[in-house]
Amino acid sequence: KIFGANNYGIIGIGQSAGNDRAVIASEQALDAILSDTASIAQAKDTLVCISCGLDFKMEEMENIQTILTNGIGEKCSVYTNVVLNSDMKNSIRVTLYITFL
């Protein structure tokens, strides 16, 4: 259970295509959240939804995880899912759902 009755959350979305698409999309999603007034240090759980084409690479997954771990912190539980969409050729969208206590 990620979203409970006593939690509140924020959402950040980033999308990019081409070179460094995973890095750019992850940074955009984090930037959207970091501009919120909530302190990211108090994050409890994070759901990461990666939407991408069939050309998604494991290296890109590792890049996304590294960027998000550095940005959110290691105390936060992170749950990741990947949605393959053949219409998203050469692009990645990273959506973060972060909850707080």
PDB file of N, CA and C in Angstrom:
ATOM      1  N   LYS A   1       0.853  -1.173   0.000  1.00  0.00           N
ATOM      2  CA  LYS A   1       0.000   0.000   0.000  1.00  0.00           C
ATOM      3  C   LYS A   1       0.895   1.230   0.000  1.00  0.00           C
ATOM      4  N   ILE A   2       0.794   2.037  -1.010  1.00  0.00           N
ATOM      5  CA  ILE A   2       1.632   3.222  -1.106  1.00  0.00           C
ATOM      6  C   ILE A   2       0.881   4.458  -0.624  1.00  0.00           C
ATOM      7  N   PHE A   3      -0.310   4.676  -1.121  1.00  0.00           N
ATOM      8  CA  PHE A   3      -1.087   5.845  -0.719  1.00  0.00           C
ATOM      9  C   PHE A   3      -2.092   5.420   0.342  1.00  0.00           C
ATOM     10  N   GLY A   4      -1.952   5.949   1.541  1.00  0.00           N
ATOM     11  CA  GLY A   4      -2.870   5.625   2.619  1.00  0.00           C
ATOM     12  C   GLY A   4      -3.684   6.835   3.007  1.00  0.00           C
ATOM     13  N   ALA A   5      -4.592   6.640   3.939  1.00  0.00           N
ATOM     14  CA  ALA A   5      -5.493   7.707   4.350  1.00  0.00           C
ATOM     15  C   ALA A   5      -4.752   8.873   5.004  1.00  0.00           C
ATOM     16  N   ASN A   6      -3.634   8.602   5.649  1.00  0.00           N
ATOM     17  CA  ASN A   6      -2.917   9.659   6.363  1.00  0.00           C
ATOM     18  C   ASN A   6      -1.732  10.205   5.583  1.00  0.00           C
ATOM     19  N   ASN A   7      -1.580   9.821   4.353  1.00  0.00           N
ATOM     20  CA  ASN A   7      -0.448  10.274   3.542  1.00  0.00           C
ATOM     21  C   ASN A   7      -0.893  11.349   2.553  1.00  0.00           C
ATOM     22  N   TYR A   8       0.052  12.152   2.144  1.00  0.00           N
ATOM     23  CA  TYR A   8      -0.170  13.038   1.013  1.00  0.00           C
ATOM     24  C   TYR A   8       0.997  12.843   0.068  1.00  0.00           C
ATOM     25  N   GLY A   9       0.831  13.218  -1.174  1.00  0.00           N
ATOM     26  CA  GLY A   9       1.893  12.969  -2.138  1.00  0.00           C
ATOM     27  C   GLY A   9       1.976  14.042  -3.198  1.00  0.00           C
ATOM     28  N   ILE A  10       3.041  13.941  -3.956  1.00  0.00           N
ATOM     29  CA  ILE A  10       3.245  14.833  -5.087  1.00  0.00           C
ATOM     30  C   ILE A  10       3.663  13.990  -6.290  1.00  0.00           C
ATOM     31  N   ILE A  11       3.460  14.551  -7.465  1.00  0.00           N
ATOM     32  CA  ILE A  11       3.752  13.845  -8.710  1.00  0.00           C
ATOM     33  C   ILE A  11       4.708  14.694  -9.532  1.00  0.00           C
ATOM     34  N   GLY A  12       5.678  14.031 -10.131  1.00  0.00           N
ATOM     35  CA  GLY A  12       6.599  14.686 -11.055  1.00  0.00           C
ATOM     36  C   GLY A  12       6.699  13.879 -12.332  1.00  0.00           C
ATOM     37  N   ILE A  13       6.700  14.558 -13.467  1.00  0.00           N
ATOM     38  CA  ILE A  13       6.744  13.875 -14.761  1.00  0.00           C
ATOM     39  C   ILE A  13       7.844  14.488 -15.615  1.00  0.00           C
ATOM     40  N   GLY A  14       8.596  13.621 -16.289  1.00  0.00           N
ATOM     41  CA  GLY A  14       9.608  14.060 -17.234  1.00  0.00           C
ATOM     42  C   GLY A  14       9.558  13.189 -18.477  1.00  0.00           C
ATOM     43  N   GLN A  15       9.813  13.774 -19.611  1.00  0.00           N
ATOM     44  CA  GLN A  15       9.793  13.010 -20.861  1.00  0.00           C
ATOM     45  C   GLN A  15      10.869  13.543 -21.789  1.00  0.00           C
ATOM     46  N   SER A  16      11.533  12.617 -22.490  1.00  0.00           N
ATOM     47  CA  SER A  16      12.580  13.014 -23.414  1.00  0.00           C
ATOM     48  C   SER A  16      12.730  11.967 -24.501  1.00  0.00           C
ATOM     49  N   ALA A  17      13.344  12.386 -25.599  1.00  0.00           N
ATOM     50  CA  ALA A  17      13.642  11.492 -26.711  1.00  0.00           C
ATOM     51  C   ALA A  17      15.089  11.715 -27.137  1.00  0.00           C
ATOM     52  N   GLY A  18      15.642  10.754 -27.823  1.00  0.00           N
ATOM     53  CA  GLY A  18      16.996  10.901 -28.344  1.00  0.00           C
ATOM     54  C   GLY A  18      18.065  10.512 -27.350  1.00  0.00           C
ATOM     55  N   ASN A  19      19.248  11.085 -27.546  1.00  0.00           N
ATOM     56  CA  ASN A  19      20.391  10.788 -26.677  1.00  0.00           C
ATOM     57  C   ASN A  19      20.118  11.222 -25.247  1.00  0.00           C
ATOM     58  N   ASP A  20      20.559  10.421 -24.305  1.00  0.00           N
ATOM     59  CA  ASP A  20      20.412  10.718 -22.872  1.00  0.00           C
ATOM     60  C   ASP A  20      18.963  10.894 -22.449  1.00  0.00           C
ATOM     61  N   ARG A  21      18.044  10.271 -23.150  1.00  0.00           N
ATOM     62  CA  ARG A  21      16.615  10.425 -22.851  1.00  0.00           C
ATOM     63  C   ARG A  21      16.257   9.979 -21.441  1.00  0.00           C
ATOM     64  N   ALA A  22      16.877   8.896 -20.941  1.00  0.00           N
ATOM     65  CA  ALA A  22      16.573   8.412 -19.591  1.00  0.00           C
ATOM     66  C   ALA A  22      17.052   9.399 -18.541  1.00  0.00           C
ATOM     67  N   VAL A  23      18.239   9.935 -18.733  1.00  0.00           N
ATOM     68  CA  VAL A  23      18.805  10.902 -17.793  1.00  0.00           C
ATOM     69  C   VAL A  23      17.957  12.170 -17.773  1.00  0.00           C
ATOM     70  N   ILE A  24      17.630  12.688 -18.934  1.00  0.00           N
ATOM     71  CA  ILE A  24      16.862  13.932 -19.031  1.00  0.00           C
ATOM     72  C   ILE A  24      15.466  13.770 -18.447  1.00  0.00           C
ATOM     73  N   ALA A  25      14.780  12.675 -18.784  1.00  0.00           N
ATOM     74  CA  ALA A  25      13.423  12.449 -18.273  1.00  0.00           C
ATOM     75  C   ALA A  25      13.430  12.298 -16.755  1.00  0.00           C
ATOM     76  N   SER A  26      14.424  11.603 -16.207  1.00  0.00           N
ATOM     77  CA  SER A  26      14.520  11.425 -14.752  1.00  0.00           C
ATOM     78  C   SER A  26      14.771  12.753 -14.054  1.00  0.00           C
ATOM     79  N   GLU A  27      15.682  13.540 -14.604  1.00  0.00           N
ATOM     80  CA  GLU A  27      15.986  14.838 -14.009  1.00  0.00           C
ATOM     81  C   GLU A  27      14.791  15.781 -14.080  1.00  0.00           C
ATOM     82  N   GLN A  28      14.044  15.738 -15.179  1.00  0.00           N
ATOM     83  CA  GLN A  28      12.842  16.580 -15.289  1.00  0.00           C
ATOM     84  C   GLN A  28      11.807  16.189 -14.234  1.00  0.00           C
ATOM     85  N   ALA A  29      11.607  14.896 -14.042  1.00  0.00           N
ATOM     86  CA  ALA A  29      10.634  14.422 -13.052  1.00  0.00           C
ATOM     87  C   ALA A  29      11.046  14.849 -11.650  1.00  0.00           C
ATOM     88  N   LEU A  30      12.322  14.710 -11.333  1.00  0.00           N
ATOM     89  CA  LEU A  30      12.815  15.144 -10.021  1.00  0.00           C
ATOM     90  C   LEU A  30      12.692  16.647  -9.851  1.00  0.00           C
ATOM     91  N   ASP A  31      13.052  17.401 -10.877  1.00  0.00           N
ATOM     92  CA  ASP A  31      12.959  18.864 -10.806  1.00  0.00           C
ATOM     93  C   ASP A  31      11.526  19.314 -10.537  1.00  0.00           C
ATOM     94  N   ALA A  32      10.571  18.626 -11.146  1.00  0.00           N
ATOM     95  CA  ALA A  32       9.164  18.976 -10.923  1.00  0.00           C
ATOM     96  C   ALA A  32       8.773  18.764  -9.467  1.00  0.00           C
ATOM     97  N   ILE A  33       9.317  17.746  -8.846  1.00  0.00           N
ATOM     98  CA  ILE A  33       9.007  17.452  -7.444  1.00  0.00           C
ATOM     99  C   ILE A  33       9.783  18.366  -6.513  1.00  0.00           C
ATOM    100  N   LEU A  34      11.036  18.599  -6.818  1.00  0.00           N
ATOM    101  CA  LEU A  34      11.864  19.409  -5.934  1.00  0.00           C
ATOM    102  C   LEU A  34      11.396  20.856  -5.871  1.00  0.00           C
ATOM    103  N   SER A  35      10.621  21.291  -6.854  1.00  0.00           N
ATOM    104  CA  SER A  35      10.089  22.649  -6.815  1.00  0.00           C
ATOM    105  C   SER A  35       8.890  22.756  -5.873  1.00  0.00           C
ATOM    106  N   ASP A  36       8.387  21.609  -5.419  1.00  0.00           N
ATOM    107  CA  ASP A  36       7.270  21.594  -4.475  1.00  0.00           C
ATOM    108  C   ASP A  36       7.780  22.010  -3.090  1.00  0.00           C
ATOM    109  N   THR A  37       6.889  22.467  -2.246  1.00  0.00           N
ATOM    110  CA  THR A  37       7.296  22.933  -0.922  1.00  0.00           C
ATOM    111  C   THR A  37       7.604  21.787   0.033  1.00  0.00           C
ATOM    112  N   ALA A  38       7.147  20.584  -0.270  1.00  0.00           N
ATOM    113  CA  ALA A  38       7.410  19.445   0.607  1.00  0.00           C
ATOM    114  C   ALA A  38       8.896  19.105   0.597  1.00  0.00           C
ATOM    115  N   SER A  39       9.393  18.701   1.736  1.00  0.00           N
ATOM    116  CA  SER A  39      10.799  18.318   1.830  1.00  0.00           C
ATOM    117  C   SER A  39      10.970  16.886   1.349  1.00  0.00           C
ATOM    118  N   ILE A  40      11.794  16.709   0.340  1.00  0.00           N
ATOM    119  CA  ILE A  40      12.024  15.385  -0.239  1.00  0.00           C
ATOM    120  C   ILE A  40      12.650  14.444   0.791  1.00  0.00           C
ATOM    121  N   ALA A  41      13.307  14.994   1.797  1.00  0.00           N
ATOM    122  CA  ALA A  41      13.934  14.175   2.840  1.00  0.00           C
ATOM    123  C   ALA A  41      12.894  13.426   3.666  1.00  0.00           C
ATOM    124  N   GLN A  42      11.647  13.896   3.654  1.00  0.00           N
ATOM    125  CA  GLN A  42      10.583  13.246   4.410  1.00  0.00           C
ATOM    126  C   GLN A  42       9.800  12.237   3.584  1.00  0.00           C
ATOM    127  N   ALA A  43      10.245  11.971   2.376  1.00  0.00           N
ATOM    128  CA  ALA A  43       9.526  11.031   1.511  1.00  0.00           C
ATOM    129  C   ALA A  43       9.486   9.643   2.149  1.00  0.00           C
ATOM    130  N   LYS A  44       8.338   9.007   2.047  1.00  0.00           N
ATOM    131  CA  LYS A  44       8.151   7.672   2.618  1.00  0.00           C
ATOM    132  C   LYS A  44       8.238   6.605   1.536  1.00  0.00           C
ATOM    133  N   ASP A  45       7.457   6.746   0.500  1.00  0.00           N
ATOM    134  CA  ASP A  45       7.411   5.770  -0.589  1.00  0.00           C
ATOM    135  C   ASP A  45       7.406   6.490  -1.926  1.00  0.00           C
ATOM    136  N   THR A  46       7.981   5.846  -2.928  1.00  0.00           N
ATOM    137  CA  THR A  46       7.970   6.387  -4.279  1.00  0.00           C
ATOM    138  C   THR A  46       7.595   5.296  -5.259  1.00  0.00           C
ATOM    139  N   LEU A  47       6.629   5.593  -6.090  1.00  0.00           N
ATOM    140  CA  LEU A  47       6.280   4.717  -7.200  1.00  0.00           C
ATOM    141  C   LEU A  47       6.822   5.363  -8.461  1.00  0.00           C
ATOM    142  N   VAL A  48       7.636   4.616  -9.189  1.00  0.00           N
ATOM    143  CA  VAL A  48       8.240   5.101 -10.424  1.00  0.00           C
ATOM    144  C   VAL A  48       7.603   4.339 -11.574  1.00  0.00           C
ATOM    145  N   CYS A  49       7.012   5.064 -12.485  1.00  0.00           N
ATOM    146  CA  CYS A  49       6.431   4.453 -13.684  1.00  0.00           C
ATOM    147  C   CYS A  49       7.244   4.924 -14.879  1.00  0.00           C
ATOM    148  N   ILE A  50       7.873   3.986 -15.560  1.00  0.00           N
ATOM    149  CA  ILE A  50       8.671   4.285 -16.748  1.00  0.00           C
ATOM    150  C   ILE A  50       7.886   3.795 -17.959  1.00  0.00           C
ATOM    151  N   SER A  51       7.506   4.720 -18.814  1.00  0.00           N
ATOM    152  CA  SER A  51       6.825   4.377 -20.065  1.00  0.00           C
ATOM    153  C   SER A  51       7.836   4.557 -21.184  1.00  0.00           C
ATOM    154  N   CYS A  52       7.967   3.551 -22.018  1.00  0.00           N
ATOM    155  CA  CYS A  52       9.019   3.595 -23.032  1.00  0.00           C
ATOM    156  C   CYS A  52       8.677   2.678 -24.202  1.00  0.00           C
ATOM    157  N   GLY A  53       9.455   2.834 -25.256  1.00  0.00           N
ATOM    158  CA  GLY A  53       9.307   1.988 -26.423  1.00  0.00           C
ATOM    159  C   GLY A  53      10.038   0.671 -26.248  1.00  0.00           C
ATOM    160  N   LEU A  54       9.943  -0.152 -27.252  1.00  0.00           N
ATOM    161  CA  LEU A  54      10.583  -1.465 -27.215  1.00  0.00           C
ATOM    162  C   LEU A  54      12.101  -1.371 -27.304  1.00  0.00           C
ATOM    163  N   ASP A  55      12.621  -0.183 -27.541  1.00  0.00           N
ATOM    164  CA  ASP A  55      14.066   0.020 -27.638  1.00  0.00           C
ATOM    165  C   ASP A  55      14.697   0.390 -26.290  1.00  0.00           C
ATOM    166  N   PHE A  56      13.941   0.277 -25.200  1.00  0.00           N
ATOM    167  CA  PHE A  56      14.437   0.587 -23.850  1.00  0.00           C
ATOM    168  C   PHE A  56      15.564  -0.369 -23.482  1.00  0.00           C
ATOM    169  N   LYS A  57      16.634   0.185 -22.899  1.00  0.00           N
ATOM    170  CA  LYS A  57      17.815  -0.609 -22.567  1.00  0.00           C
ATOM    171  C   LYS A  57      18.005  -0.697 -21.058  1.00  0.00           C
ATOM    172  N   MET A  58      18.624  -1.788 -20.627  1.00  0.00           N
ATOM    173  CA  MET A  58      18.896  -1.980 -19.203  1.00  0.00           C
ATOM    174  C   MET A  58      19.800  -0.865 -18.661  1.00  0.00           C
ATOM    175  N   GLU A  59      20.707  -0.376 -19.466  1.00  0.00           N
ATOM    176  CA  GLU A  59      21.569   0.741 -19.062  1.00  0.00           C
ATOM    177  C   GLU A  59      20.729   1.970 -18.710  1.00  0.00           C
ATOM    178  N   GLU A  60      19.644   2.189 -19.460  1.00  0.00           N
ATOM    179  CA  GLU A  60      18.764   3.318 -19.178  1.00  0.00           C
ATOM    180  C   GLU A  60      18.048   3.119 -17.847  1.00  0.00           C
ATOM    181  N   MET A  61      17.649   1.891 -17.553  1.00  0.00           N
ATOM    182  CA  MET A  61      17.018   1.583 -16.264  1.00  0.00           C
ATOM    183  C   MET A  61      17.988   1.884 -15.124  1.00  0.00           C
ATOM    184  N   GLU A  62      19.234   1.479 -15.293  1.00  0.00           N
ATOM    185  CA  GLU A  62      20.245   1.743 -14.264  1.00  0.00           C
ATOM    186  C   GLU A  62      20.471   3.244 -14.083  1.00  0.00           C
ATOM    187  N   ASN A  63      20.494   3.991 -15.183  1.00  0.00           N
ATOM    188  CA  ASN A  63      20.658   5.444 -15.101  1.00  0.00           C
ATOM    189  C   ASN A  63      19.502   6.088 -14.341  1.00  0.00           C
ATOM    190  N   ILE A  64      18.288   5.674 -14.654  1.00  0.00           N
ATOM    191  CA  ILE A  64      17.102   6.211 -13.977  1.00  0.00           C
ATOM    192  C   ILE A  64      17.170   5.910 -12.488  1.00  0.00           C
ATOM    193  N   GLN A  65      17.478   4.672 -12.137  1.00  0.00           N
ATOM    194  CA  GLN A  65      17.531   4.297 -10.722  1.00  0.00           C
ATOM    195  C   GLN A  65      18.610   5.072  -9.970  1.00  0.00           C
ATOM    196  N   THR A  66      19.759   5.261 -10.583  1.00  0.00           N
ATOM    197  CA  THR A  66      20.847   5.997  -9.939  1.00  0.00           C
ATOM    198  C   THR A  66      20.455   7.452  -9.697  1.00  0.00           C
ATOM    199  N   ILE A  67      19.892   8.088 -10.707  1.00  0.00           N
ATOM    200  CA  ILE A  67      19.493   9.496 -10.587  1.00  0.00           C
ATOM    201  C   ILE A  67      18.418   9.663  -9.515  1.00  0.00           C
ATOM    202  N   LEU A  68      17.437   8.774  -9.517  1.00  0.00           N
ATOM    203  CA  LEU A  68      16.352   8.890  -8.547  1.00  0.00           C
ATOM    204  C   LEU A  68      16.826   8.593  -7.132  1.00  0.00           C
ATOM    205  N   THR A  69      17.688   7.610  -6.961  1.00  0.00           N
ATOM    206  CA  THR A  69      18.218   7.303  -5.630  1.00  0.00           C
ATOM    207  C   THR A  69      19.014   8.480  -5.093  1.00  0.00           C
ATOM    208  N   ASN A  70      19.816   9.091  -5.942  1.00  0.00           N
ATOM    209  CA  ASN A  70      20.593  10.264  -5.524  1.00  0.00           C
ATOM    210  C   ASN A  70      19.687  11.445  -5.191  1.00  0.00           C
ATOM    211  N   GLY A  71      18.593  11.593  -5.921  1.00  0.00           N
ATOM    212  CA  GLY A  71      17.697  12.727  -5.723  1.00  0.00           C
ATOM    213  C   GLY A  71      16.721  12.556  -4.581  1.00  0.00           C
ATOM    214  N   ILE A  72      16.251  11.334  -4.380  1.00  0.00           N
ATOM    215  CA  ILE A  72      15.222  11.081  -3.364  1.00  0.00           C
ATOM    216  C   ILE A  72      15.851  10.648  -2.050  1.00  0.00           C
ATOM    217  N   GLY A  73      16.893   9.878  -2.112  1.00  0.00           N
ATOM    218  CA  GLY A  73      17.544   9.369  -0.905  1.00  0.00           C
ATOM    219  C   GLY A  73      17.300   7.892  -0.741  1.00  0.00           C
ATOM    220  N   GLU A  74      18.120   7.285   0.082  1.00  0.00           N
ATOM    221  CA  GLU A  74      18.066   5.835   0.257  1.00  0.00           C
ATOM    222  C   GLU A  74      17.068   5.388   1.320  1.00  0.00           C
ATOM    223  N   LYS A  75      16.542   6.296   2.125  1.00  0.00           N
ATOM    224  CA  LYS A  75      15.598   5.926   3.181  1.00  0.00           C
ATOM    225  C   LYS A  75      14.195   5.681   2.636  1.00  0.00           C
ATOM    226  N   CYS A  76      13.926   6.164   1.462  1.00  0.00           N
ATOM    227  CA  CYS A  76      12.612   6.059   0.842  1.00  0.00           C
ATOM    228  C   CYS A  76      12.485   4.721   0.109  1.00  0.00           C
ATOM    229  N   SER A  77      11.365   4.033   0.299  1.00  0.00           N
ATOM    230  CA  SER A  77      11.110   2.794  -0.449  1.00  0.00           C
ATOM    231  C   SER A  77      10.706   3.157  -1.867  1.00  0.00           C
ATOM    232  N   VAL A  78      11.322   2.509  -2.853  1.00  0.00           N
ATOM    233  CA  VAL A  78      11.050   2.805  -4.257  1.00  0.00           C
ATOM    234  C   VAL A  78      10.497   1.562  -4.939  1.00  0.00           C
ATOM    235  N   TYR A  79       9.361   1.736  -5.606  1.00  0.00           N
ATOM    236  CA  TYR A  79       8.716   0.662  -6.357  1.00  0.00           C
ATOM    237  C   TYR A  79       8.689   1.098  -7.819  1.00  0.00           C
ATOM    238  N   THR A  80       9.218   0.262  -8.690  1.00  0.00           N
ATOM    239  CA  THR A  80       9.361   0.637 -10.097  1.00  0.00           C
ATOM    240  C   THR A  80       8.587  -0.309 -10.994  1.00  0.00           C
ATOM    241  N   ASN A  81       7.922   0.260 -11.982  1.00  0.00           N
ATOM    242  CA  ASN A  81       7.334  -0.564 -13.031  1.00  0.00           C
ATOM    243  C   ASN A  81       7.665   0.047 -14.387  1.00  0.00           C
ATOM    244  N   VAL A  82       7.698  -0.800 -15.388  1.00  0.00           N
ATOM    245  CA  VAL A  82       8.004  -0.379 -16.753  1.00  0.00           C
ATOM    246  C   VAL A  82       6.830  -0.770 -17.642  1.00  0.00           C
ATOM    247  N   VAL A  83       6.363   0.204 -18.409  1.00  0.00           N
ATOM    248  CA  VAL A  83       5.272  -0.032 -19.354  1.00  0.00           C
ATOM    249  C   VAL A  83       5.846   0.120 -20.762  1.00  0.00           C
ATOM    250  N   LEU A  84       5.862  -0.970 -21.500  1.00  0.00           N
ATOM    251  CA  LEU A  84       6.347  -0.937 -22.880  1.00  0.00           C
ATOM    252  C   LEU A  84       5.214  -0.528 -23.803  1.00  0.00           C
ATOM    253  N   ASN A  85       5.471   0.484 -24.611  1.00  0.00           N
ATOM    254  CA  ASN A  85       4.473   1.008 -25.522  1.00  0.00           C
ATOM    255  C   ASN A  85       5.141   1.178 -26.889  1.00  0.00           C
ATOM    256  N   SER A  86       4.720   0.408 -27.856  1.00  0.00           N
ATOM    257  CA  SER A  86       5.369   0.434 -29.170  1.00  0.00           C
ATOM    258  C   SER A  86       5.220   1.779 -29.874  1.00  0.00           C
ATOM    259  N   ASP A  87       4.291   2.613 -29.422  1.00  0.00           N
ATOM    260  CA  ASP A  87       4.124   3.947 -30.015  1.00  0.00           C
ATOM    261  C   ASP A  87       5.168   4.946 -29.509  1.00  0.00           C
ATOM    262  N   MET A  88       5.888   4.599 -28.451  1.00  0.00           N
ATOM    263  CA  MET A  88       6.867   5.524 -27.859  1.00  0.00           C
ATOM    264  C   MET A  88       8.272   5.225 -28.372  1.00  0.00           C
ATOM    265  N   LYS A  89       8.441   5.236 -29.664  1.00  0.00           N
ATOM    266  CA  LYS A  89       9.745   4.972 -30.255  1.00  0.00           C
ATOM    267  C   LYS A  89      10.716   6.085 -29.895  1.00  0.00           C
ATOM    268  N   ASN A  90      11.881   5.689 -29.398  1.00  0.00           N
ATOM    269  CA  ASN A  90      12.973   6.596 -29.093  1.00  0.00           C
ATOM    270  C   ASN A  90      12.636   7.615 -27.997  1.00  0.00           C
ATOM    271  N   SER A  91      11.633   7.334 -27.162  1.00  0.00           N
ATOM    272  CA  SER A  91      11.315   8.268 -26.081  1.00  0.00           C
ATOM    273  C   SER A  91      11.020   7.520 -24.783  1.00  0.00           C
ATOM    274  N   ILE A  92      11.190   8.237 -23.681  1.00  0.00           N
ATOM    275  CA  ILE A  92      10.949   7.705 -22.342  1.00  0.00           C
ATOM    276  C   ILE A  92      10.193   8.755 -21.539  1.00  0.00           C
ATOM    277  N   ARG A  93       9.209   8.290 -20.770  1.00  0.00           N
ATOM    278  CA  ARG A  93       8.510   9.162 -19.823  1.00  0.00           C
ATOM    279  C   ARG A  93       8.688   8.552 -18.431  1.00  0.00           C
ATOM    280  N   VAL A  94       9.133   9.356 -17.489  1.00  0.00           N
ATOM    281  CA  VAL A  94       9.305   8.930 -16.100  1.00  0.00           C
ATOM    282  C   VAL A  94       8.293   9.695 -15.253  1.00  0.00           C
ATOM    283  N   THR A  95       7.442   8.953 -14.559  1.00  0.00           N
ATOM    284  CA  THR A  95       6.448   9.550 -13.678  1.00  0.00           C
ATOM    285  C   THR A  95       6.745   9.103 -12.252  1.00  0.00           C
ATOM    286  N   LEU A  96       6.872  10.058 -11.351  1.00  0.00           N
ATOM    287  CA  LEU A  96       7.142   9.771  -9.945  1.00  0.00           C
ATOM    288  C   LEU A  96       5.921  10.120  -9.114  1.00  0.00           C
ATOM    289  N   TYR A  97       5.526   9.203  -8.254  1.00  0.00           N
ATOM    290  CA  TYR A  97       4.471   9.445  -7.280  1.00  0.00           C
ATOM    291  C   TYR A  97       5.155   9.294  -5.915  1.00  0.00           C
ATOM    292  N   ILE A  98       5.331  10.387  -5.193  1.00  0.00           N
ATOM    293  CA  ILE A  98       6.038  10.349  -3.911  1.00  0.00           C
ATOM    294  C   ILE A  98       5.047  10.659  -2.803  1.00  0.00           C
ATOM    295  N   THR A  99       5.062   9.801  -1.764  1.00  0.00           N
ATOM    296  CA  THR A  99       4.189  10.016  -0.615  1.00  0.00           C
ATOM    297  C   THR A  99       5.013  10.387   0.604  1.00  0.00           C
ATOM    298  N   PHE A 100       4.343  11.056   1.538  1.00  0.00           N
ATOM    299  CA  PHE A 100       4.971  11.521   2.766  1.00  0.00           C
ATOM    300  C   PHE A 100       4.160  11.041   3.959  1.00  0.00           C
ATOM    301  N   LEU A 101       4.779  11.016   5.120  1.00  0.00           N
ATOM    302  CA  LEU A 101       4.080  10.631   6.349  1.00  0.00           C
ATOM    303  C   LEU A 101       3.083  11.670   6.764  1.00  0.00           C
TER     304      LEU A 101
END
